Amino acid sequence: MKPFSRRHFLHLGAAAAAAPLLNLRAQEGGGKKLGIAFLGLGDYATKHLAPAVKATSNARVAGVVTGSPDKVPAWQKEYGIPDGNVYSYGNFDSIKDNKDIDVVYVVTPTGLHAEYAIRAAEAGKHVICEKPMAPTVEDCDRMIAAAKKAGVTLQIGYRLHWDPYHLQLMDALKTKKYGDWKSIEVGNGYKVNNFTGHNAWRIKKDMGVAGALYDVGVYAVQGALYTAQVNPISVTAKKSTDRPDIFKEVPETYEWTLEFPGGRKSDGFSSYGRSGNYVRAELEKGKIEISPAYGYGGQKGFTPDGAMAHPVVNQQALQIEGQIAAILAKQPSRVPGEMGRRDIGVIRGIVEAADTGAAVKLADLGY
C-alpha cells in the first residue's frame, strides 16, 4: 500500500483559499512575469491556454514553436511576439540561447510529448507538459531524468487541481470529513463522429496511443486516484469498438476496475462512443459526487451536507498561475512529473489488462 505523498496533501487547501494562495506565491516571486513559449498551436493552446495567460499576474506569452508558419502572424499580433521568439520544430533547440523564454509549454499530440519535453529541459527551460504525460512509463522516466539533470521543473497540465469543486472533493476525502470511501465510480466519454482535421491524431496509435483512454480517460483515472487518496494495487479491464470503420488503430471504449488495498474497488470507463462525465464515491456518511465533472466549467456537485456552491473560475489561468508561482517560489508543484508518471503506470495497466484479459498488478507507481 502506497498512500499519497505528504507533499501532495500540502497542496490540497480549501477551495476558497486557492486564489489568495496563488497571489501570495506570485508576490513571493517578486512580481516577475515568466515568459512562456507554447510548443504546438492547436485549438487548446490557441483558444484556452494562451488567453488564460493574460489572466495571470506572473506569466506572459513570450514565444511559439510550431510547424505551421501560417499560424504565426495571428499569435504575433495578439501577444506581441517578436520574430526572434518564433521557432520551428527544426530549430527548436536554439531556444536555449533565448533569455526571454523561461518556460516551454508542450501542447502537441501525446506521441510527441516525451521528445519535446526532454529537448526543452535540455535547453534549460522549465517544462509544462499537457496530459497525458507520455505514451509509456519509460518515456516519463526519461522526461523526469532530463528535468532533474538540467535543474528545471517538470509539471503536468492537470487543470482540475485548481478547480474548486475538485479541491473540495479532494479535501473531503483527505480529511475523511464524511468517513472513508467504500466504492468509487468514474467515467469520461462522449460520442465523436468527426475525426478529421485537428481530431485526426486522436485515433492514430502513434500520436493518440490508445484513443479516448489517453485523452478524456486521463481525467477519469485521476478522479479515481485523488478520490481514493491511495494508489491501486491491480486492475482488470476490457476494450470494445462499435465502429470499426473509424477505430482501426485504437479501441473506441475502455472499461476498467481498479482494486485498492483492503479489497475496495473503483469502476471506470473512457470512450469516444459513449457519454458520461462524473466522479462519485460512496462514503461511510453518504455520497459525494461531481457531475458533470471534467469540463472547463459547468461543474455541479453535492456532498452529504448538500450541494457544492462555487464561483465560476478560469481553470487554465489558475493552473498556469499556480505552476509559475511554484517555479518562482522554488516550491514543489501540485502536479509534478512524478504524478504524471504514476497515472501513466495505471493507464498502461489498463491497456495491458484489456489486451490480455487478465488482472495486472500495479507496482512501482512511485508517487
Protein backbone atom coordinates (compact mmCIF):
# COMPACT_ATOMS: atom_id res chain seq x y z
CA MET A 1 0.00 0.00 0.00
CA LYS A 2 1.42 3.38 -1.03
CA PRO A 3 -0.62 6.35 0.23
CA PHE A 4 -0.44 9.69 -1.49
CA SER A 5 2.62 11.65 -0.50
CA ARG A 6 2.58 14.30 2.21
CA ARG A 7 3.86 16.73 -0.41
CA HIS A 8 0.65 16.21 -2.38
CA PHE A 9 -1.51 16.72 0.72
CA LEU A 10 0.17 20.03 1.49
CA HIS A 11 -1.23 21.45 -1.72
CA LEU A 12 -4.86 20.45 -1.14
CA GLY A 13 -6.06 23.53 0.70
CA ALA A 14 -9.68 24.58 0.86
CA ALA A 15 -11.09 25.78 -2.45
CA ALA A 16 -11.86 29.21 -1.06
CA ALA A 17 -8.20 29.71 -0.28
CA ALA A 18 -6.95 28.82 -3.76
CA ALA A 19 -6.82 32.28 -5.32
CA PRO A 20 -5.20 34.07 -2.33
CA LEU A 21 -2.58 31.34 -2.15
CA LEU A 22 -1.70 31.79 -5.80
CA ASN A 23 -1.45 35.56 -5.41
CA LEU A 24 0.79 35.12 -2.38
CA ARG A 25 3.12 32.89 -4.33
CA ALA A 26 3.25 35.39 -7.18
CA GLN A 27 4.24 38.06 -4.66
CA GLU A 28 6.92 35.77 -3.27
CA GLY A 29 8.35 35.70 -6.79
CA GLY A 30 8.87 39.47 -6.60
CA GLY A 31 6.24 40.29 -9.23
CA LYS A 32 8.35 38.82 -12.03
CA LYS A 33 6.49 37.53 -15.07
CA LEU A 34 8.00 34.44 -16.64
CA GLY A 35 7.94 34.11 -20.41
CA ILE A 36 6.12 31.06 -21.77
CA ALA A 37 6.65 29.64 -25.24
CA PHE A 38 3.85 27.41 -26.49
CA LEU A 39 5.05 24.38 -28.41
CA GLY A 40 2.12 23.30 -30.57
CA LEU A 41 -0.51 25.84 -31.63
CA GLY A 42 -3.62 23.69 -31.81
CA ASP A 43 -7.08 24.55 -30.52
CA TYR A 44 -6.28 24.08 -26.84
CA ALA A 45 -3.23 26.33 -26.87
CA THR A 46 -4.90 28.91 -29.10
CA LYS A 47 -8.35 29.10 -27.56
CA HIS A 48 -7.70 28.31 -23.91
CA LEU A 49 -4.13 28.26 -22.63
CA ALA A 50 -2.65 31.35 -24.24
CA PRO A 51 -5.71 33.52 -23.48
CA ALA A 52 -5.56 32.24 -19.89
CA VAL A 53 -2.00 33.55 -19.53
CA LYS A 54 -3.43 37.07 -19.92
CA ALA A 55 -5.43 36.49 -16.74
CA THR A 56 -2.35 35.62 -14.67
CA SER A 57 -0.20 38.01 -12.70
CA ASN A 58 3.08 36.15 -13.12
CA ALA A 59 3.27 34.91 -16.73
CA ARG A 60 3.22 36.21 -20.28
CA VAL A 61 3.19 34.64 -23.72
CA ALA A 62 6.73 35.16 -24.97
CA GLY A 63 7.16 32.77 -27.88
CA VAL A 64 5.84 29.97 -30.06
CA VAL A 65 7.17 26.75 -31.54
CA THR A 66 5.17 25.46 -34.49
CA GLY A 67 5.26 23.53 -37.72
CA SER A 68 2.51 25.76 -39.13
CA PRO A 69 4.02 29.10 -40.20
CA ASP A 70 0.58 30.34 -41.27
CA LYS A 71 -0.48 30.45 -37.60
CA VAL A 72 2.39 32.69 -36.51
CA PRO A 73 1.13 36.15 -37.64
CA ALA A 74 -2.05 35.90 -35.57
CA TRP A 75 -0.07 34.90 -32.48
CA GLN A 76 2.44 37.68 -33.01
CA LYS A 77 -0.33 40.25 -33.37
CA GLU A 78 -2.26 39.01 -30.34
CA TYR A 79 0.69 38.64 -27.97
CA GLY A 80 3.36 40.93 -29.36
CA ILE A 81 5.78 38.10 -30.03
CA PRO A 82 8.97 39.26 -31.78
CA ASP A 83 10.36 37.38 -34.77
CA GLY A 84 13.29 36.18 -32.68
CA ASN A 85 10.92 34.27 -30.38
CA VAL A 86 9.31 32.27 -33.18
CA TYR A 87 10.70 28.75 -33.62
CA SER A 88 10.05 25.76 -35.84
CA TYR A 89 10.47 22.18 -34.70
CA GLY A 90 13.67 22.10 -36.72
CA ASN A 91 15.45 24.96 -34.96
CA PHE A 92 13.78 24.47 -31.58
CA ASP A 93 16.98 23.55 -29.74
CA SER A 94 18.35 27.04 -30.31
CA ILE A 95 15.76 28.28 -27.81
CA LYS A 96 18.43 27.62 -25.18
CA ASP A 97 20.01 30.96 -26.09
CA ASN A 98 16.80 32.94 -25.66
CA LYS A 99 16.71 34.53 -22.20
CA ASP A 100 13.25 35.96 -22.88
CA ILE A 101 11.73 32.47 -22.64
CA ASP A 102 11.69 30.74 -19.24
CA VAL A 103 9.09 28.01 -19.75
CA VAL A 104 8.10 25.77 -22.64
CA TYR A 105 4.51 24.51 -22.54
CA VAL A 106 4.26 21.32 -24.63
CA VAL A 107 0.78 21.10 -26.22
CA THR A 108 1.38 18.57 -29.00
CA PRO A 109 -0.33 15.21 -29.55
CA THR A 110 0.70 12.73 -26.84
CA GLY A 111 3.11 10.81 -29.05
CA LEU A 112 5.40 13.84 -29.21
CA HIS A 113 5.36 14.83 -25.53
CA ALA A 114 8.48 12.99 -24.42
CA GLU A 115 10.71 14.19 -27.25
CA TYR A 116 9.92 17.86 -26.87
CA ALA A 117 9.71 17.93 -23.09
CA ILE A 118 13.19 16.41 -22.97
CA ARG A 119 14.56 18.82 -25.56
CA ALA A 120 13.04 21.77 -23.71
CA ALA A 121 14.63 20.63 -20.45
CA GLU A 122 17.97 20.12 -22.15
CA ALA A 123 17.66 23.70 -23.41
CA GLY A 124 17.45 24.82 -19.78
CA LYS A 125 13.75 25.71 -19.85
CA HIS A 126 11.14 24.79 -17.27
CA VAL A 127 8.55 22.45 -18.77
CA ILE A 128 4.79 22.23 -18.51
CA CYS A 129 3.53 19.21 -20.44
CA GLU A 130 -0.10 18.64 -21.29
CA LYS A 131 -1.81 15.48 -20.14
CA PRO A 132 -1.32 12.60 -20.56
CA MET A 133 2.36 12.87 -19.77
CA ALA A 134 3.70 10.41 -22.38
CA PRO A 135 2.97 7.09 -24.09
CA THR A 136 4.93 4.89 -21.64
CA VAL A 137 6.34 4.88 -18.12
CA GLU A 138 9.80 4.66 -19.65
CA ASP A 139 9.12 7.88 -21.54
CA CYS A 140 8.05 9.52 -18.28
CA ASP A 141 11.25 8.36 -16.58
CA ARG A 142 13.34 9.92 -19.34
CA MET A 143 11.44 13.19 -19.04
CA ILE A 144 11.87 13.31 -15.27
CA ALA A 145 15.56 12.46 -15.53
CA ALA A 146 16.16 15.16 -18.16
CA ALA A 147 14.50 17.82 -16.00
CA LYS A 148 16.48 16.80 -12.91
CA LYS A 149 19.74 16.78 -14.83
CA ALA A 150 19.06 20.24 -16.21
CA GLY A 151 17.89 21.62 -12.87
CA VAL A 152 14.48 22.67 -14.22
CA THR A 153 10.93 21.82 -13.19
CA LEU A 154 8.59 19.44 -14.99
CA GLN A 155 4.86 19.87 -14.40
CA ILE A 156 1.76 18.33 -15.98
CA GLY A 157 -1.25 20.30 -17.25
CA TYR A 158 -3.75 18.92 -14.74
CA ARG A 159 -6.04 21.96 -14.51
CA LEU A 160 -8.60 20.29 -12.21
CA HIS A 161 -6.15 20.52 -9.31
CA TRP A 162 -7.16 24.20 -9.26
CA ASP A 163 -10.89 23.68 -9.77
CA PRO A 164 -12.84 24.44 -6.56
CA TYR A 165 -15.24 21.52 -6.96
CA HIS A 166 -12.43 19.02 -7.26
CA LEU A 167 -10.47 20.70 -4.49
CA GLN A 168 -13.47 20.31 -2.20
CA LEU A 169 -13.75 16.64 -3.11
CA MET A 170 -10.03 16.05 -2.53
CA ASP A 171 -10.13 17.81 0.82
CA ALA A 172 -13.20 15.88 1.98
CA LEU A 173 -11.54 12.57 1.16
CA LYS A 174 -8.17 13.59 2.59
CA THR A 175 -9.65 14.68 5.90
CA LYS A 176 -12.28 11.91 5.93
CA LYS A 177 -14.88 14.57 6.67
CA TYR A 178 -17.64 12.11 5.77
CA GLY A 179 -15.72 8.98 6.70
CA ASP A 180 -13.66 6.76 4.43
CA TRP A 181 -14.80 5.72 0.98
CA LYS A 182 -16.39 2.36 0.21
CA SER A 183 -16.59 2.45 -3.61
CA ILE A 184 -15.76 4.87 -6.41
CA GLU A 185 -17.18 5.29 -9.91
CA VAL A 186 -15.63 7.47 -12.61
CA GLY A 187 -16.36 7.99 -16.28
CA ASN A 188 -15.45 10.40 -19.02
CA GLY A 189 -16.58 9.99 -22.59
CA TYR A 190 -18.63 11.43 -25.41
CA LYS A 191 -19.60 10.34 -28.88
CA VAL A 192 -17.30 11.76 -31.52
CA ASN A 193 -18.30 11.42 -35.16
CA ASN A 194 -15.70 13.61 -36.85
CA PHE A 195 -12.07 12.56 -36.64
CA THR A 196 -10.76 14.80 -39.38
CA GLY A 197 -8.69 17.96 -39.07
CA HIS A 198 -7.47 18.67 -35.53
CA ASN A 199 -9.17 15.48 -34.26
CA ALA A 200 -7.43 13.09 -36.66
CA TRP A 201 -4.49 12.31 -34.36
CA ARG A 202 -6.79 11.07 -31.60
CA ILE A 203 -7.45 7.73 -33.33
CA LYS A 204 -3.89 7.18 -34.56
CA LYS A 205 -1.81 4.85 -32.42
CA ASP A 206 1.45 6.72 -32.97
CA MET A 207 0.08 10.07 -31.78
CA GLY A 208 -3.02 9.23 -29.71
CA VAL A 209 -1.58 5.96 -28.31
CA ALA A 210 -4.84 4.37 -27.08
CA GLY A 211 -7.63 6.70 -28.14
CA ALA A 212 -10.04 8.02 -25.53
CA LEU A 213 -8.14 6.40 -22.66
CA TYR A 214 -5.15 8.65 -23.39
CA ASP A 215 -7.39 11.67 -23.80
CA VAL A 216 -10.58 12.06 -21.77
CA GLY A 217 -9.78 8.87 -19.85
CA VAL A 218 -6.89 10.52 -18.04
CA TYR A 219 -9.35 12.69 -16.10
CA ALA A 220 -11.35 9.66 -15.01
CA VAL A 221 -8.22 7.85 -13.84
CA GLN A 222 -7.10 10.97 -12.00
CA GLY A 223 -10.54 11.33 -10.44
CA ALA A 224 -10.40 7.81 -9.05
CA LEU A 225 -6.92 8.32 -7.62
CA TYR A 226 -7.47 11.63 -5.88
CA THR A 227 -10.79 10.38 -4.55
CA ALA A 228 -9.21 7.18 -3.24
CA GLN A 229 -6.23 9.08 -1.76
CA VAL A 230 -4.23 5.88 -2.10
CA ASN A 231 -2.76 4.06 -5.08
CA PRO A 232 -4.41 0.97 -6.60
CA ILE A 233 -2.68 -2.40 -6.47
CA SER A 234 -4.20 -4.14 -9.51
CA VAL A 235 -6.55 -3.65 -12.45
CA THR A 236 -8.83 -5.64 -14.71
CA ALA A 237 -10.14 -4.14 -17.94
CA LYS A 238 -11.80 -4.70 -21.29
CA LYS A 239 -11.96 -2.79 -24.57
CA SER A 240 -14.62 -2.62 -27.27
CA THR A 241 -15.33 -0.96 -30.60
CA ASP A 242 -18.75 -0.45 -32.14
CA ARG A 243 -17.49 1.48 -35.18
CA PRO A 244 -14.55 -0.50 -36.60
CA ASP A 245 -14.64 1.55 -39.79
CA ILE A 246 -13.47 4.55 -37.72
CA PHE A 247 -11.48 2.92 -34.94
CA LYS A 248 -8.95 0.92 -36.92
CA GLU A 249 -5.90 1.56 -34.73
CA VAL A 250 -7.28 2.20 -31.24
CA PRO A 251 -10.33 0.92 -29.32
CA GLU A 252 -13.44 3.05 -29.10
CA THR A 253 -14.09 2.31 -25.41
CA TYR A 254 -12.14 1.11 -22.38
CA GLU A 255 -13.74 -0.09 -19.15
CA TRP A 256 -11.78 -0.98 -16.03
CA THR A 257 -11.89 -1.87 -12.35
CA LEU A 258 -9.11 -0.71 -10.07
CA GLU A 259 -8.55 -2.69 -6.88
CA PHE A 260 -7.21 -0.89 -3.82
CA PRO A 261 -5.77 -2.13 -0.54
CA GLY A 262 -8.41 -3.82 1.60
CA GLY A 263 -10.38 -5.02 -1.41
CA ARG A 264 -12.12 -1.73 -2.22
CA LYS A 265 -12.73 -1.07 -5.91
CA SER A 266 -13.27 1.71 -8.41
CA ASP A 267 -15.07 1.17 -11.72
CA GLY A 268 -14.31 3.47 -14.65
CA PHE A 269 -14.65 3.99 -18.38
CA SER A 270 -13.48 6.26 -21.17
CA SER A 271 -14.94 6.38 -24.65
CA TYR A 272 -15.35 8.21 -27.93
CA GLY A 273 -18.67 6.43 -28.43
CA ARG A 274 -20.37 6.57 -25.04
CA SER A 275 -21.26 9.58 -22.94
CA GLY A 276 -20.53 10.08 -19.25
CA ASN A 277 -18.83 12.75 -17.15
CA TYR A 278 -18.68 12.05 -13.43
CA VAL A 279 -16.75 11.11 -10.31
CA ARG A 280 -18.71 9.74 -7.38
CA ALA A 281 -17.93 7.88 -4.20
CA GLU A 282 -19.95 6.07 -1.59
CA LEU A 283 -18.68 7.16 1.80
CA GLU A 284 -19.35 5.97 5.32
CA LYS A 285 -21.60 9.01 5.84
CA GLY A 286 -23.21 9.33 2.44
CA LYS A 287 -22.23 10.12 -1.14
CA ILE A 288 -20.03 12.74 -2.77
CA GLU A 289 -20.27 13.41 -6.49
CA ILE A 290 -19.31 15.86 -9.22
CA SER A 291 -21.35 15.52 -12.42
CA PRO A 292 -20.58 16.95 -14.89
CA ALA A 293 -17.07 16.79 -13.59
CA TYR A 294 -14.27 17.28 -16.10
CA GLY A 295 -15.13 20.19 -18.37
CA TYR A 296 -13.61 23.67 -18.45
CA GLY A 297 -16.61 24.81 -16.43
CA GLY A 298 -20.17 23.87 -15.56
CA GLN A 299 -19.33 21.51 -12.71
CA LYS A 300 -22.12 20.51 -10.35
CA GLY A 301 -21.53 18.60 -7.17
CA PHE A 302 -23.00 17.53 -3.88
CA THR A 303 -21.85 16.11 -0.58
CA PRO A 304 -23.74 14.57 2.36
CA ASP A 305 -24.19 18.19 3.52
CA GLY A 306 -25.90 19.25 0.28
CA ALA A 307 -24.96 20.89 -3.00
CA MET A 308 -21.50 22.29 -3.63
CA ALA A 309 -21.55 26.01 -4.42
CA HIS A 310 -18.52 27.64 -6.02
CA PRO A 311 -18.00 30.61 -8.33
CA VAL A 312 -17.04 30.10 -11.95
CA VAL A 313 -13.26 30.12 -12.34
CA ASN A 314 -10.81 30.15 -15.23
CA GLN A 315 -9.22 26.75 -14.60
CA GLN A 316 -6.37 27.27 -17.03
CA ALA A 317 -5.48 30.68 -15.60
CA LEU A 318 -5.40 29.33 -12.06
CA GLN A 319 -3.38 26.34 -13.23
CA ILE A 320 -0.76 28.39 -15.04
CA GLU A 321 -0.57 30.98 -12.27
CA GLY A 322 -0.06 28.22 -9.73
CA GLN A 323 2.55 26.43 -11.80
CA ILE A 324 4.52 29.61 -12.45
CA ALA A 325 4.21 30.57 -8.77
CA ALA A 326 5.77 27.24 -7.80
CA ILE A 327 8.70 27.92 -10.13
CA LEU A 328 9.21 31.46 -8.82
CA ALA A 329 8.98 30.44 -5.17
CA LYS A 330 11.03 27.27 -5.76
CA GLN A 331 8.24 25.24 -4.20
CA PRO A 332 7.06 21.72 -5.09
CA SER A 333 4.38 21.56 -7.76
CA ARG A 334 0.86 20.30 -7.13
CA VAL A 335 1.18 18.37 -10.39
CA PRO A 336 4.79 17.20 -10.83
CA GLY A 337 6.11 14.83 -13.43
CA GLU A 338 6.07 12.05 -10.85
CA MET A 339 2.28 12.37 -10.65
CA GLY A 340 2.02 12.13 -14.42
CA ARG A 341 4.26 9.06 -14.36
CA ARG A 342 2.04 7.37 -11.76
CA ASP A 343 -1.03 7.97 -13.91
CA ILE A 344 0.65 6.53 -17.00
CA GLY A 345 1.57 3.48 -14.91
CA VAL A 346 -2.12 2.95 -14.13
CA ILE A 347 -3.17 3.62 -17.73
CA ARG A 348 -0.61 1.18 -19.11
CA GLY A 349 -2.01 -1.36 -16.65
CA ILE A 350 -5.49 -0.78 -18.07
CA VAL A 351 -4.22 -1.28 -21.62
CA GLU A 352 -2.37 -4.48 -20.68
CA ALA A 353 -5.34 -5.88 -18.77
CA ALA A 354 -7.67 -5.16 -21.71
CA ASP A 355 -5.23 -6.73 -24.16
CA THR A 356 -4.64 -9.91 -22.11
CA GLY A 357 -7.95 -10.37 -20.31
CA ALA A 358 -6.03 -10.97 -17.08
CA ALA A 359 -5.61 -8.90 -13.92
CA VAL A 360 -2.47 -6.76 -13.93
CA LYS A 361 -0.60 -5.86 -10.78
CA LEU A 362 0.27 -2.18 -10.46
CA ALA A 363 3.71 -1.88 -8.97
CA ASP A 364 6.29 0.89 -8.93
CA LEU A 365 3.78 3.69 -9.35
CA GLY A 366 6.24 5.82 -7.44
CA TYR A 367 4.14 8.81 -6.39
